[in-house]
Amino acid sequence: MGLISNGTTIFDNGAMASGFGGSMVLVSSATASSSASIEFTLGDYKEYKLFLVNMHPATDSANLEMNFSTDNGSNYNVTKTTTFFEAEHAENDSGSGLAYNSASDIAQGTGFQRIAGNVGGDADQCCNGIIHIFNPSSTTFVKHFTSRISNTRSDNAEFDIYIAGYANTTSALTNIKFQMSSGDIDDGKILMFGIN
């Protein structure tokens, strides 16, 4: 099965057609249903692109978080340095802003990186976004990643969140894990594509 737009094939059997920036292949996908976490195994692609769709917490105001493993998922505690900034606008137009959020970055820490905060638990609240991981199988260089998330928070405000950073290890990253800071991932889907 393929995706054709205006007579041009864009996807064919899960792979992106040539001429669209390289070979982009759907590697794996997972759908949450009251799931404690979602984990993916990383391989030898030069870049991974993960699409997060309608990630909804079971607990109101939970943070969506991610971390990496270098030991096939036994531990998710890779040292990271990140930067975090966000734009916001309240639903009732009571406030807006653009700011660096130093409380959400990591400076050579091993904890989970918050990628969306205070995600709303109402039926119409969730977060969506794209995460890029560059050359995770390298055993020479640190592993860079970026994230951009659209987040509807529990206080009825929309946040546009930008994160960039690196996993400070020369060991290959073998896995990535997503979880909520409290409670389960009630609903949502993550699609992981590999790009060479």
Foldseek 3Di string as FASTA:
>chain_A
DFDDDPNRTQGDPQWGDPPPAFTKGFDDKDKDAQAQKDKDWDDQFQKKKKKWFFFAFPDAFWFKWKFFDLPQPPDGFFFKFKWKKKWKAAPVRPDIDTDTDPVQTHDRGRDTHGQGTRFGNDPPTGKIWMKMWGRQQALQAWIKMKIWMWGQHNNRMTMTMIMIITRPHSRHTTMMMIGIPDGGRNTIMMIMIGGD
